[in-house]
Amino acid sequence: MEGKFSIGDAINYLVIFIFGFLCIFPFLYVFSISFTDPDVYIPLKFTVFPEKFSIRAYTWIIGTDSFINAMKSSVFVTVAGTILNLIVTFTAAYGLSRKEMPGNRLIMALITFTLVFSAGIVPNYILIKDLHMINSYSSIILPVLTNAWSLVVVRNFMLELPRELEEAARIDGCNDLQVFARVVLPLSGAVIATFTLFFAVAHWNSYFNTMIYITKSSKWTLPLLVKSMVVDSGAIGYAGGAGVGGDQKSVPQETIKMATIVLSMLPVIILYPFLQKYFVKGVLVGAVKG
């Protein structure tokens, strides 16, 4: 029966194609509207390919102060947050992977407890407010320095590393920090690449915490700017409100919205293919051992 194409295979491929098209179509529509010339744009008309190609919406968006500020905010939060996430997660996971560390099991039990239970929105907001971090980038970086799932996966990965390599490094005179830097980290390339993308995407798409803790429009990140433009009524007319000033009469609001969405997705779309190959290896290797 090997090599034969059955009716069941045809049905499976058809179903996959339909679901794939349903997933891709919204993206095609967004790209099409964003590149449609404003002179030929027709509201509420569904199209997969632009009738007349134009980048006028992109040039308009890139020239606005609010988009530049939002882009700077998103880049800063993503870069700083990802670096801090990696440092905290991998150093904490390394310590927790050492069975000789005092209180190892108790700490892991407390960390695992947070997978099920959390303080909630109100206590978190009160804490951030009492620490005077409202309208500060630290309010959307420090509360998510790491999470229980990441710690568990990275710790399990480090438990699987050959202890003989660490013992050989200690015989050569390495202390704990040197073992971590010279042995553990070089062997953790796949996991580092995987969690770099996880953390970066999480920070780039961070929306809820930003909406709660950042009230100044000058410090908005791209997801919050996109939300205000797409969801809020009259959000495109930012000349006196949120800060997207400029003449919009020559560019329809819908094309501006779609262009902003595309620009906010672009960095992730560019970064993902380079790190995607590490996903299975990086996550599964750390998730096999419990």
Foldseek 3Di string as FASTA:
>chain_A
DPPDCDPVNVVVVVVVVVVVCVVCQVVLQLVQLLQAAQVPDDPPDGDRHHPDGHNVLVVLLVPFLLNVLQAVLLVVLLVVLLVLLLVVQQVVLLLLLDPPRPCSVVVLVVQVVVVPDDPDDVVLLVVCVVVVCFQHSCQVRVVPSDHSVSSQLSNLLQNPPDVVVVVVVVVVPDDPVCCCVPPVVVVQVLQSLQSSLVSSVCSLLDDPSCVSRRDQLSNHHLNPLLCQLPPPPPSVPPCPPSGRDDDCPSPDSSSNSSSSVCVSCVVSVVSCVVSVVSNCVNRVSSVVGD
